[in-house]
């Protein structure tokens, strides 16, 4: 099992999860985070830290696409290990559906 970041992180990008990760497997895009599924040790400490409820175990239904999404971008984006301020749109965008239209493939700053 592994954990993955799903669509609700897009345009929110809360980073509470990265500070509790013992293996630094979070990677930062311009407007979302991902978890490298091959680096995640399945400890689960990140899941309850996410205010947007955007981290899920890959054992939930229909998670295969999110595992591949997370893997793809984790291999392109910089690692993030320190908490940052969420995006200005976080409160407004939290919980909205159809957020893939806002997804940016651009890397974040990392750090």
PDB file of N, CA and C in Angstrom:
ATOM      1  N   UNK A   1       0.841  -1.184   0.000  1.00  0.00           N
ATOM      2  CA  UNK A   1       0.000   0.000   0.000  1.00  0.00           C
ATOM      3  C   UNK A   1       0.884   1.245   0.000  1.00  0.00           C
ATOM      4  N   UNK A   2       0.348   2.305  -0.561  1.00  0.00           N
ATOM      5  CA  UNK A   2       0.994   3.613  -0.543  1.00  0.00           C
ATOM      6  C   UNK A   2      -0.093   4.664  -0.398  1.00  0.00           C
ATOM      7  N   UNK A   3       0.306   5.855  -0.095  1.00  0.00           N
ATOM      8  CA  UNK A   3      -0.627   6.975  -0.049  1.00  0.00           C
ATOM      9  C   UNK A   3      -0.376   7.849  -1.263  1.00  0.00           C
ATOM     10  N   UNK A   4      -1.428   8.515  -1.741  1.00  0.00           N
ATOM     11  CA  UNK A   4      -1.314   9.401  -2.893  1.00  0.00           C
ATOM     12  C   UNK A   4      -2.110  10.672  -2.632  1.00  0.00           C
ATOM     13  N   UNK A   5      -1.722  11.722  -3.324  1.00  0.00           N
ATOM     14  CA  UNK A   5      -2.450  12.987  -3.280  1.00  0.00           C
ATOM     15  C   UNK A   5      -3.458  12.974  -4.423  1.00  0.00           C
ATOM     16  N   UNK A   6      -4.678  13.385  -4.117  1.00  0.00           N
ATOM     17  CA  UNK A   6      -5.732  13.399  -5.128  1.00  0.00           C
ATOM     18  C   UNK A   6      -6.102  14.838  -5.500  1.00  0.00           C
ATOM     19  N   UNK A   7      -7.081  14.970  -6.370  1.00  0.00           N
ATOM     20  CA  UNK A   7      -7.476  16.225  -6.990  1.00  0.00           C
ATOM     21  C   UNK A   7      -7.728  17.385  -6.022  1.00  0.00           C
ATOM     22  N   UNK A   8      -8.209  17.120  -4.821  1.00  0.00           N
ATOM     23  CA  UNK A   8      -8.574  18.235  -3.943  1.00  0.00           C
ATOM     24  C   UNK A   8      -7.387  19.091  -3.505  1.00  0.00           C
ATOM     25  N   UNK A   9      -6.165  18.609  -3.683  1.00  0.00           N
ATOM     26  CA  UNK A   9      -4.995  19.424  -3.355  1.00  0.00           C
ATOM     27  C   UNK A   9      -4.796  20.561  -4.359  1.00  0.00           C
ATOM     28  N   UNK A  10      -5.237  20.364  -5.579  1.00  0.00           N
ATOM     29  CA  UNK A  10      -5.036  21.356  -6.641  1.00  0.00           C
ATOM     30  C   UNK A  10      -5.671  22.690  -6.252  1.00  0.00           C
ATOM     31  N   UNK A  11      -4.890  23.746  -6.375  1.00  0.00           N
ATOM     32  CA  UNK A  11      -5.294  25.120  -6.071  1.00  0.00           C
ATOM     33  C   UNK A  11      -5.488  25.373  -4.574  1.00  0.00           C
ATOM     34  N   UNK A  12      -5.110  24.408  -3.743  1.00  0.00           N
ATOM     35  CA  UNK A  12      -5.094  24.594  -2.286  1.00  0.00           C
ATOM     36  C   UNK A  12      -3.640  24.526  -1.808  1.00  0.00           C
ATOM     37  N   UNK A  13      -3.034  23.382  -2.039  1.00  0.00           N
ATOM     38  CA  UNK A  13      -1.635  23.110  -1.701  1.00  0.00           C
ATOM     39  C   UNK A  13      -1.298  23.430  -0.246  1.00  0.00           C
ATOM     40  N   UNK A  14      -2.059  22.830   0.648  1.00  0.00           N
ATOM     41  CA  UNK A  14      -1.683  22.882   2.057  1.00  0.00           C
ATOM     42  C   UNK A  14      -0.438  22.004   2.207  1.00  0.00           C
ATOM     43  N   UNK A  15       0.483  22.400   3.048  1.00  0.00           N
ATOM     44  CA  UNK A  15       1.729  21.641   3.173  1.00  0.00           C
ATOM     45  C   UNK A  15       1.947  21.102   4.582  1.00  0.00           C
ATOM     46  N   UNK A  16       0.899  21.019   5.368  1.00  0.00           N
ATOM     47  CA  UNK A  16       1.007  20.465   6.718  1.00  0.00           C
ATOM     48  C   UNK A  16       1.573  19.045   6.681  1.00  0.00           C
ATOM     49  N   UNK A  17       1.241  18.312   5.626  1.00  0.00           N
ATOM     50  CA  UNK A  17       1.626  16.907   5.474  1.00  0.00           C
ATOM     51  C   UNK A  17       3.136  16.711   5.336  1.00  0.00           C
ATOM     52  N   UNK A  18       3.814  17.648   4.700  1.00  0.00           N
ATOM     53  CA  UNK A  18       5.234  17.421   4.400  1.00  0.00           C
ATOM     54  C   UNK A  18       6.099  17.412   5.646  1.00  0.00           C
ATOM     55  N   UNK A  19       5.716  18.161   6.666  1.00  0.00           N
ATOM     56  CA  UNK A  19       6.525  18.233   7.878  1.00  0.00           C
ATOM     57  C   UNK A  19       6.485  16.956   8.704  1.00  0.00           C
ATOM     58  N   UNK A  20       5.431  16.162   8.566  1.00  0.00           N
ATOM     59  CA  UNK A  20       5.323  14.940   9.363  1.00  0.00           C
ATOM     60  C   UNK A  20       5.850  13.709   8.632  1.00  0.00           C
ATOM     61  N   UNK A  21       6.149  13.842   7.347  1.00  0.00           N
ATOM     62  CA  UNK A  21       6.609  12.698   6.557  1.00  0.00           C
ATOM     63  C   UNK A  21       8.031  12.300   6.960  1.00  0.00           C
ATOM     64  N   UNK A  22       8.211  11.066   7.426  1.00  0.00           N
ATOM     65  CA  UNK A  22       9.546  10.656   7.880  1.00  0.00           C
ATOM     66  C   UNK A  22      10.519  10.318   6.746  1.00  0.00           C
ATOM     67  N   UNK A  23      10.027  10.212   5.515  1.00  0.00           N
ATOM     68  CA  UNK A  23      10.917   9.836   4.403  1.00  0.00           C
ATOM     69  C   UNK A  23      10.974  10.883   3.293  1.00  0.00           C
ATOM     70  N   UNK A  24      10.391  12.040   3.494  1.00  0.00           N
ATOM     71  CA  UNK A  24      10.467  13.135   2.522  1.00  0.00           C
ATOM     72  C   UNK A  24      10.071  12.703   1.111  1.00  0.00           C
ATOM     73  N   UNK A  25       8.876  12.133   0.990  1.00  0.00           N
ATOM     74  CA  UNK A  25       8.425  11.638  -0.319  1.00  0.00           C
ATOM     75  C   UNK A  25       7.396  12.542  -0.977  1.00  0.00           C
ATOM     76  N   UNK A  26       7.271  13.795  -0.498  1.00  0.00           N
ATOM     77  CA  UNK A  26       6.364  14.761  -1.126  1.00  0.00           C
ATOM     78  C   UNK A  26       7.144  15.613  -2.125  1.00  0.00           C
ATOM     79  N   UNK A  27       6.480  15.919  -3.236  1.00  0.00           N
ATOM     80  CA  UNK A  27       7.080  16.732  -4.288  1.00  0.00           C
ATOM     81  C   UNK A  27       6.112  17.852  -4.622  1.00  0.00           C
ATOM     82  N   UNK A  28       6.677  19.027  -4.956  1.00  0.00           N
ATOM     83  CA  UNK A  28       5.863  20.223  -5.106  1.00  0.00           C
ATOM     84  C   UNK A  28       5.742  20.698  -6.547  1.00  0.00           C
ATOM     85  N   UNK A  29       4.491  20.816  -6.975  1.00  0.00           N
ATOM     86  CA  UNK A  29       4.189  21.469  -8.238  1.00  0.00           C
ATOM     87  C   UNK A  29       3.773  22.901  -7.977  1.00  0.00           C
ATOM     88  N   UNK A  30       3.521  23.623  -9.024  1.00  0.00           N
ATOM     89  CA  UNK A  30       3.133  25.024  -8.898  1.00  0.00           C
ATOM     90  C   UNK A  30       1.870  25.199  -8.046  1.00  0.00           C
ATOM     91  N   UNK A  31       0.893  24.276  -8.207  1.00  0.00           N
ATOM     92  CA  UNK A  31      -0.351  24.452  -7.453  1.00  0.00           C
ATOM     93  C   UNK A  31      -0.886  23.177  -6.814  1.00  0.00           C
ATOM     94  N   UNK A  32      -0.013  22.197  -6.601  1.00  0.00           N
ATOM     95  CA  UNK A  32      -0.416  20.970  -5.903  1.00  0.00           C
ATOM     96  C   UNK A  32       0.827  20.230  -5.421  1.00  0.00           C
ATOM     97  N   UNK A  33       0.601  19.211  -4.632  1.00  0.00           N
ATOM     98  CA  UNK A  33       1.669  18.323  -4.175  1.00  0.00           C
ATOM     99  C   UNK A  33       1.385  16.924  -4.702  1.00  0.00           C
ATOM    100  N   UNK A  34       2.414  16.080  -4.715  1.00  0.00           N
ATOM    101  CA  UNK A  34       2.253  14.657  -4.993  1.00  0.00           C
ATOM    102  C   UNK A  34       3.158  13.877  -4.046  1.00  0.00           C
ATOM    103  N   UNK A  35       2.870  12.599  -3.907  1.00  0.00           N
ATOM    104  CA  UNK A  35       3.679  11.679  -3.122  1.00  0.00           C
ATOM    105  C   UNK A  35       4.297  10.675  -4.082  1.00  0.00           C
ATOM    106  N   UNK A  36       5.590  10.437  -3.955  1.00  0.00           N
ATOM    107  CA  UNK A  36       6.201   9.409  -4.809  1.00  0.00           C
ATOM    108  C   UNK A  36       5.793   8.057  -4.242  1.00  0.00           C
ATOM    109  N   UNK A  37       4.986   7.292  -4.972  1.00  0.00           N
ATOM    110  CA  UNK A  37       4.468   6.030  -4.428  1.00  0.00           C
ATOM    111  C   UNK A  37       5.549   4.983  -4.153  1.00  0.00           C
ATOM    112  N   UNK A  38       6.691   5.085  -4.804  1.00  0.00           N
ATOM    113  CA  UNK A  38       7.771   4.126  -4.558  1.00  0.00           C
ATOM    114  C   UNK A  38       8.615   4.507  -3.351  1.00  0.00           C
ATOM    115  N   UNK A  39       8.463   5.726  -2.860  1.00  0.00           N
ATOM    116  CA  UNK A  39       9.218   6.183  -1.692  1.00  0.00           C
ATOM    117  C   UNK A  39       8.382   6.163  -0.414  1.00  0.00           C
ATOM    118  N   UNK A  40       7.070   6.242  -0.556  1.00  0.00           N
ATOM    119  CA  UNK A  40       6.159   6.239   0.591  1.00  0.00           C
ATOM    120  C   UNK A  40       6.293   4.925   1.345  1.00  0.00           C
ATOM    121  N   UNK A  41       6.393   5.008   2.678  1.00  0.00           N
ATOM    122  CA  UNK A  41       6.537   3.791   3.491  1.00  0.00           C
ATOM    123  C   UNK A  41       5.213   3.379   4.141  1.00  0.00           C
ATOM    124  N   UNK A  42       4.136   3.993   3.696  1.00  0.00           N
ATOM    125  CA  UNK A  42       2.792   3.611   4.136  1.00  0.00           C
ATOM    126  C   UNK A  42       2.541   3.826   5.628  1.00  0.00           C
ATOM    127  N   UNK A  43       3.201   4.794   6.216  1.00  0.00           N
ATOM    128  CA  UNK A  43       3.016   5.017   7.650  1.00  0.00           C
ATOM    129  C   UNK A  43       1.687   5.702   7.961  1.00  0.00           C
ATOM    130  N   UNK A  44       1.175   6.496   7.003  1.00  0.00           N
ATOM    131  CA  UNK A  44      -0.126   7.124   7.168  1.00  0.00           C
ATOM    132  C   UNK A  44      -0.162   8.379   8.016  1.00  0.00           C
ATOM    133  N   UNK A  45       0.975   8.874   8.481  1.00  0.00           N
ATOM    134  CA  UNK A  45       0.938  10.058   9.346  1.00  0.00           C
ATOM    135  C   UNK A  45       0.525  11.316   8.596  1.00  0.00           C
ATOM    136  N   UNK A  46       0.683  11.339   7.287  1.00  0.00           N
ATOM    137  CA  UNK A  46       0.336  12.521   6.496  1.00  0.00           C
ATOM    138  C   UNK A  46      -1.168  12.688   6.318  1.00  0.00           C
ATOM    139  N   UNK A  47      -1.873  11.596   6.211  1.00  0.00           N
ATOM    140  CA  UNK A  47      -3.299  11.641   5.865  1.00  0.00           C
ATOM    141  C   UNK A  47      -4.123  12.516   6.814  1.00  0.00           C
ATOM    142  N   UNK A  48      -4.017  12.351   8.135  1.00  0.00           N
ATOM    143  CA  UNK A  48      -4.835  13.196   9.014  1.00  0.00           C
ATOM    144  C   UNK A  48      -4.364  14.650   9.091  1.00  0.00           C
ATOM    145  N   UNK A  49      -3.171  14.939   8.612  1.00  0.00           N
ATOM    146  CA  UNK A  49      -2.643  16.305   8.654  1.00  0.00           C
ATOM    147  C   UNK A  49      -3.188  17.184   7.544  1.00  0.00           C
ATOM    148  N   UNK A  50      -3.777  16.599   6.508  1.00  0.00           N
ATOM    149  CA  UNK A  50      -4.215  17.363   5.335  1.00  0.00           C
ATOM    150  C   UNK A  50      -5.557  18.041   5.593  1.00  0.00           C
ATOM    151  N   UNK A  51      -5.587  19.391   5.671  1.00  0.00           N
ATOM    152  CA  UNK A  51      -6.851  20.089   5.898  1.00  0.00           C
ATOM    153  C   UNK A  51      -7.846  19.921   4.749  1.00  0.00           C
ATOM    154  N   UNK A  52      -7.346  19.616   3.552  1.00  0.00           N
ATOM    155  CA  UNK A  52      -8.220  19.475   2.381  1.00  0.00           C
ATOM    156  C   UNK A  52      -8.672  18.035   2.152  1.00  0.00           C
ATOM    157  N   UNK A  53      -8.274  17.122   3.016  1.00  0.00           N
ATOM    158  CA  UNK A  53      -8.639  15.717   2.861  1.00  0.00           C
ATOM    159  C   UNK A  53      -8.263  15.218   1.465  1.00  0.00           C
ATOM    160  N   UNK A  54      -7.023  15.526   1.053  1.00  0.00           N
ATOM    161  CA  UNK A  54      -6.571  15.206  -0.302  1.00  0.00           C
ATOM    162  C   UNK A  54      -5.555  14.070  -0.351  1.00  0.00           C
ATOM    163  N   UNK A  55      -5.356  13.368   0.742  1.00  0.00           N
ATOM    164  CA  UNK A  55      -4.419  12.238   0.769  1.00  0.00           C
ATOM    165  C   UNK A  55      -5.217  10.975   1.050  1.00  0.00           C
ATOM    166  N   UNK A  56      -5.027   9.984   0.189  1.00  0.00           N
ATOM    167  CA  UNK A  56      -5.782   8.734   0.297  1.00  0.00           C
ATOM    168  C   UNK A  56      -4.863   7.532   0.142  1.00  0.00           C
ATOM    169  N   UNK A  57      -5.224   6.403   0.765  1.00  0.00           N
ATOM    170  CA  UNK A  57      -4.480   5.161   0.516  1.00  0.00           C
ATOM    171  C   UNK A  57      -4.829   4.627  -0.867  1.00  0.00           C
ATOM    172  N   UNK A  58      -3.885   3.977  -1.498  1.00  0.00           N
ATOM    173  CA  UNK A  58      -4.134   3.456  -2.843  1.00  0.00           C
ATOM    174  C   UNK A  58      -5.072   2.262  -2.860  1.00  0.00           C
ATOM    175  N   UNK A  59      -5.486   1.819  -1.698  1.00  0.00           N
ATOM    176  CA  UNK A  59      -6.407   0.686  -1.608  1.00  0.00           C
ATOM    177  C   UNK A  59      -7.866   1.100  -1.811  1.00  0.00           C
ATOM    178  N   UNK A  60      -8.140   2.397  -1.837  1.00  0.00           N
ATOM    179  CA  UNK A  60      -9.502   2.852  -2.110  1.00  0.00           C
ATOM    180  C   UNK A  60      -9.819   2.625  -3.586  1.00  0.00           C
ATOM    181  N   UNK A  61     -11.095   2.542  -3.946  1.00  0.00           N
ATOM    182  CA  UNK A  61     -11.471   2.322  -5.349  1.00  0.00           C
ATOM    183  C   UNK A  61     -10.970   3.419  -6.278  1.00  0.00           C
ATOM    184  N   UNK A  62     -10.597   3.030  -7.481  1.00  0.00           N
ATOM    185  CA  UNK A  62     -10.194   3.943  -8.554  1.00  0.00           C
ATOM    186  C   UNK A  62      -8.966   4.799  -8.232  1.00  0.00           C
ATOM    187  N   UNK A  63      -8.056   4.262  -7.458  1.00  0.00           N
ATOM    188  CA  UNK A  63      -6.853   5.013  -7.116  1.00  0.00           C
ATOM    189  C   UNK A  63      -5.694   4.782  -8.090  1.00  0.00           C
ATOM    190  N   UNK A  64      -5.823   3.818  -9.003  1.00  0.00           N
ATOM    191  CA  UNK A  64      -4.708   3.513  -9.916  1.00  0.00           C
ATOM    192  C   UNK A  64      -4.266   4.749 -10.699  1.00  0.00           C
ATOM    193  N   UNK A  65      -5.226   5.542 -11.179  1.00  0.00           N
ATOM    194  CA  UNK A  65      -4.873   6.739 -11.960  1.00  0.00           C
ATOM    195  C   UNK A  65      -4.117   7.748 -11.102  1.00  0.00           C
ATOM    196  N   UNK A  66      -4.450   7.810  -9.807  1.00  0.00           N
ATOM    197  CA  UNK A  66      -3.768   8.748  -8.922  1.00  0.00           C
ATOM    198  C   UNK A  66      -2.372   8.255  -8.554  1.00  0.00           C
ATOM    199  N   UNK A  67      -2.197   6.954  -8.463  1.00  0.00           N
ATOM    200  CA  UNK A  67      -0.848   6.409  -8.219  1.00  0.00           C
ATOM    201  C   UNK A  67       0.064   6.806  -9.381  1.00  0.00           C
ATOM    202  N   UNK A  68      -0.402   6.626 -10.593  1.00  0.00           N
ATOM    203  CA  UNK A  68       0.408   6.970 -11.766  1.00  0.00           C
ATOM    204  C   UNK A  68       0.612   8.480 -11.893  1.00  0.00           C
ATOM    205  N   UNK A  69      -0.415   9.252 -11.593  1.00  0.00           N
ATOM    206  CA  UNK A  69      -0.309  10.714 -11.604  1.00  0.00           C
ATOM    207  C   UNK A  69       0.767  11.161 -10.607  1.00  0.00           C
ATOM    208  N   UNK A  70       0.699  10.631  -9.381  1.00  0.00           N
ATOM    209  CA  UNK A  70       1.674  10.989  -8.351  1.00  0.00           C
ATOM    210  C   UNK A  70       3.082  10.573  -8.761  1.00  0.00           C
ATOM    211  N   UNK A  71       3.219   9.370  -9.303  1.00  0.00           N
ATOM    212  CA  UNK A  71       4.542   8.884  -9.725  1.00  0.00           C
ATOM    213  C   UNK A  71       5.128   9.784 -10.824  1.00  0.00           C
ATOM    214  N   UNK A  72       4.318  10.097 -11.819  1.00  0.00           N
ATOM    215  CA  UNK A  72       4.787  10.911 -12.949  1.00  0.00           C
ATOM    216  C   UNK A  72       5.347  12.251 -12.484  1.00  0.00           C
ATOM    217  N   UNK A  73       4.581  12.960 -11.671  1.00  0.00           N
ATOM    218  CA  UNK A  73       5.009  14.303 -11.285  1.00  0.00           C
ATOM    219  C   UNK A  73       6.059  14.291 -10.173  1.00  0.00           C
ATOM    220  N   UNK A  74       6.081  13.271  -9.345  1.00  0.00           N
ATOM    221  CA  UNK A  74       7.138  13.167  -8.329  1.00  0.00           C
ATOM    222  C   UNK A  74       8.510  13.025  -8.989  1.00  0.00           C
ATOM    223  N   UNK A  75       8.540  12.453 -10.175  1.00  0.00           N
ATOM    224  CA  UNK A  75       9.804  12.280 -10.879  1.00  0.00           C
ATOM    225  C   UNK A  75      10.216  13.545 -11.636  1.00  0.00           C
ATOM    226  N   UNK A  76       9.324  14.536 -11.709  1.00  0.00           N
ATOM    227  CA  UNK A  76       9.617  15.780 -12.425  1.00  0.00           C
ATOM    228  C   UNK A  76       9.804  16.992 -11.504  1.00  0.00           C
ATOM    229  N   UNK A  77       9.168  16.960 -10.353  1.00  0.00           N
ATOM    230  CA  UNK A  77       9.129  18.128  -9.467  1.00  0.00           C
ATOM    231  C   UNK A  77      10.123  18.000  -8.322  1.00  0.00           C
ATOM    232  N   UNK A  78      10.469  19.135  -7.667  1.00  0.00           N
ATOM    233  CA  UNK A  78      11.403  19.100  -6.540  1.00  0.00           C
ATOM    234  C   UNK A  78      10.742  18.603  -5.250  1.00  0.00           C
ATOM    235  N   UNK A  79      11.552  17.995  -4.403  1.00  0.00           N
ATOM    236  CA  UNK A  79      11.078  17.524  -3.108  1.00  0.00           C
ATOM    237  C   UNK A  79      10.743  18.732  -2.233  1.00  0.00           C
ATOM    238  N   UNK A  80       9.748  18.569  -1.378  1.00  0.00           N
ATOM    239  CA  UNK A  80       9.388  19.608  -0.413  1.00  0.00           C
ATOM    240  C   UNK A  80       9.366  18.976   0.970  1.00  0.00           C
ATOM    241  N   UNK A  81      10.035  19.602   1.927  1.00  0.00           N
ATOM    242  CA  UNK A  81      10.122  19.056   3.284  1.00  0.00           C
ATOM    243  C   UNK A  81       9.693  20.057   4.351  1.00  0.00           C
ATOM    244  N   UNK A  82       9.470  21.314   3.955  1.00  0.00           N
ATOM    245  CA  UNK A  82       9.105  22.356   4.916  1.00  0.00           C
ATOM    246  C   UNK A  82       7.724  22.918   4.613  1.00  0.00           C
ATOM    247  N   UNK A  83       6.999  23.193   5.685  1.00  0.00           N
ATOM    248  CA  UNK A  83       5.658  23.752   5.548  1.00  0.00           C
ATOM    249  C   UNK A  83       5.733  25.167   4.991  1.00  0.00           C
ATOM    250  N   UNK A  84       4.805  25.480   4.079  1.00  0.00           N
ATOM    251  CA  UNK A  84       4.675  26.809   3.489  1.00  0.00           C
ATOM    252  C   UNK A  84       3.225  27.255   3.642  1.00  0.00           C
ATOM    253  N   UNK A  85       2.978  28.506   3.346  1.00  0.00           N
ATOM    254  CA  UNK A  85       1.608  29.016   3.357  1.00  0.00           C
ATOM    255  C   UNK A  85       0.823  28.350   2.227  1.00  0.00           C
ATOM    256  N   UNK A  86      -0.456  28.032   2.448  1.00  0.00           N
ATOM    257  CA  UNK A  86      -1.271  27.487   1.354  1.00  0.00           C
ATOM    258  C   UNK A  86      -1.497  28.552   0.288  1.00  0.00           C
ATOM    259  N   UNK A  87      -1.990  28.138  -0.829  1.00  0.00           N
ATOM    260  CA  UNK A  87      -2.291  29.071  -1.909  1.00  0.00           C
ATOM    261  C   UNK A  87      -3.387  30.037  -1.457  1.00  0.00           C
ATOM    262  N   UNK A  88      -3.391  31.225  -2.016  1.00  0.00           N
ATOM    263  CA  UNK A  88      -4.401  32.236  -1.665  1.00  0.00           C
ATOM    264  C   UNK A  88      -5.814  31.728  -1.951  1.00  0.00           C
ATOM    265  N   UNK A  89      -5.942  30.826  -2.923  1.00  0.00           N
ATOM    266  CA  UNK A  89      -7.254  30.295  -3.309  1.00  0.00           C
ATOM    267  C   UNK A  89      -7.689  29.093  -2.471  1.00  0.00           C
ATOM    268  N   UNK A  90      -6.895  28.690  -1.490  1.00  0.00           N
ATOM    269  CA  UNK A  90      -7.140  27.436  -0.771  1.00  0.00           C
ATOM    270  C   UNK A  90      -8.535  27.334  -0.159  1.00  0.00           C
ATOM    271  N   UNK A  91      -8.943  28.314   0.605  1.00  0.00           N
ATOM    272  CA  UNK A  91     -10.258  28.224   1.260  1.00  0.00           C
ATOM    273  C   UNK A  91     -11.387  28.175   0.243  1.00  0.00           C
ATOM    274  N   UNK A  92     -11.283  28.977  -0.788  1.00  0.00           N
ATOM    275  CA  UNK A  92     -12.321  29.032  -1.823  1.00  0.00           C
ATOM    276  C   UNK A  92     -12.392  27.730  -2.630  1.00  0.00           C
ATOM    277  N   UNK A  93     -11.231  27.121  -2.910  1.00  0.00           N
ATOM    278  CA  UNK A  93     -11.170  25.946  -3.788  1.00  0.00           C
ATOM    279  C   UNK A  93     -11.306  24.617  -3.052  1.00  0.00           C
ATOM    280  N   UNK A  94     -11.136  24.617  -1.745  1.00  0.00           N
ATOM    281  CA  UNK A  94     -11.196  23.369  -0.980  1.00  0.00           C
ATOM    282  C   UNK A  94     -12.557  22.698  -1.161  1.00  0.00           C
ATOM    283  N   UNK A  95     -12.522  21.459  -1.611  1.00  0.00           N
ATOM    284  CA  UNK A  95     -13.735  20.668  -1.752  1.00  0.00           C
ATOM    285  C   UNK A  95     -14.467  20.823  -3.075  1.00  0.00           C
ATOM    286  N   UNK A  96     -14.027  21.726  -3.934  1.00  0.00           N
ATOM    287  CA  UNK A  96     -14.695  21.889  -5.233  1.00  0.00           C
ATOM    288  C   UNK A  96     -14.358  20.704  -6.135  1.00  0.00           C
ATOM    289  N   UNK A  97     -15.286  20.340  -6.983  1.00  0.00           N
ATOM    290  CA  UNK A  97     -15.044  19.266  -7.936  1.00  0.00           C
ATOM    291  C   UNK A  97     -14.546  19.858  -9.250  1.00  0.00           C
ATOM    292  N   UNK A  98     -13.993  19.015 -10.095  1.00  0.00           N
ATOM    293  CA  UNK A  98     -13.529  19.460 -11.404  1.00  0.00           C
ATOM    294  C   UNK A  98     -12.272  20.296 -11.369  1.00  0.00           C
ATOM    295  N   UNK A  99     -11.429  20.070 -10.391  1.00  0.00           N
ATOM    296  CA  UNK A  99     -10.247  20.910 -10.231  1.00  0.00           C
ATOM    297  C   UNK A  99      -9.103  20.571 -11.191  1.00  0.00           C
ATOM    298  N   UNK A 100      -9.199  19.471 -11.933  1.00  0.00           N
ATOM    299  CA  UNK A 100      -8.135  19.148 -12.892  1.00  0.00           C
ATOM    300  C   UNK A 100      -7.966  20.234 -13.944  1.00  0.00           C
ATOM    301  N   UNK A 101      -9.012  21.000 -14.225  1.00  0.00           N
ATOM    302  CA  UNK A 101      -8.886  22.072 -15.207  1.00  0.00           C
ATOM    303  C   UNK A 101      -7.933  23.169 -14.729  1.00  0.00           C
ATOM    304  N   UNK A 102      -7.666  23.223 -13.426  1.00  0.00           N
ATOM    305  CA  UNK A 102      -6.759  24.214 -12.868  1.00  0.00           C
ATOM    306  C   UNK A 102      -5.342  23.671 -12.675  1.00  0.00           C
ATOM    307  N   UNK A 103      -5.144  22.371 -12.905  1.00  0.00           N
ATOM    308  CA  UNK A 103      -3.857  21.731 -12.668  1.00  0.00           C
ATOM    309  C   UNK A 103      -2.768  22.333 -13.541  1.00  0.00           C
ATOM    310  N   UNK A 104      -1.617  22.585 -12.942  1.00  0.00           N
ATOM    311  CA  UNK A 104      -0.441  23.077 -13.660  1.00  0.00           C
ATOM    312  C   UNK A 104       0.654  22.031 -13.580  1.00  0.00           C
ATOM    313  N   UNK A 105       1.274  21.713 -14.716  1.00  0.00           N
ATOM    314  CA  UNK A 105       2.391  20.777 -14.745  1.00  0.00           C
ATOM    315  C   UNK A 105       3.703  21.429 -14.317  1.00  0.00           C
ATOM    316  N   UNK A 106       3.701  22.737 -14.135  1.00  0.00           N
ATOM    317  CA  UNK A 106       4.921  23.452 -13.762  1.00  0.00           C
ATOM    318  C   UNK A 106       5.382  23.030 -12.376  1.00  0.00           C
ATOM    319  N   UNK A 107       6.691  22.927 -12.179  1.00  0.00           N
ATOM    320  CA  UNK A 107       7.208  22.568 -10.859  1.00  0.00           C
ATOM    321  C   UNK A 107       7.043  23.717  -9.876  1.00  0.00           C
ATOM    322  N   UNK A 108       7.031  23.361  -8.597  1.00  0.00           N
ATOM    323  CA  UNK A 108       7.047  24.375  -7.541  1.00  0.00           C
ATOM    324  C   UNK A 108       8.495  24.694  -7.197  1.00  0.00           C
ATOM    325  N   UNK A 109       8.682  25.389  -6.099  1.00  0.00           N
ATOM    326  CA  UNK A 109      10.023  25.779  -5.664  1.00  0.00           C
ATOM    327  C   UNK A 109      10.729  24.687  -4.879  1.00  0.00           C
ATOM    328  N   UNK A 110       9.953  23.792  -4.256  1.00  0.00           N
ATOM    329  CA  UNK A 110      10.562  22.786  -3.390  1.00  0.00           C
ATOM    330  C   UNK A 110      11.064  23.449  -2.111  1.00  0.00           C
ATOM    331  N   UNK A 111      11.791  22.671  -1.342  1.00  0.00           N
ATOM    332  CA  UNK A 111      12.380  23.258  -0.138  1.00  0.00           C
ATOM    333  C   UNK A 111      11.901  22.657   1.142  1.00  0.00           C
TER     334      UNK A 111
END
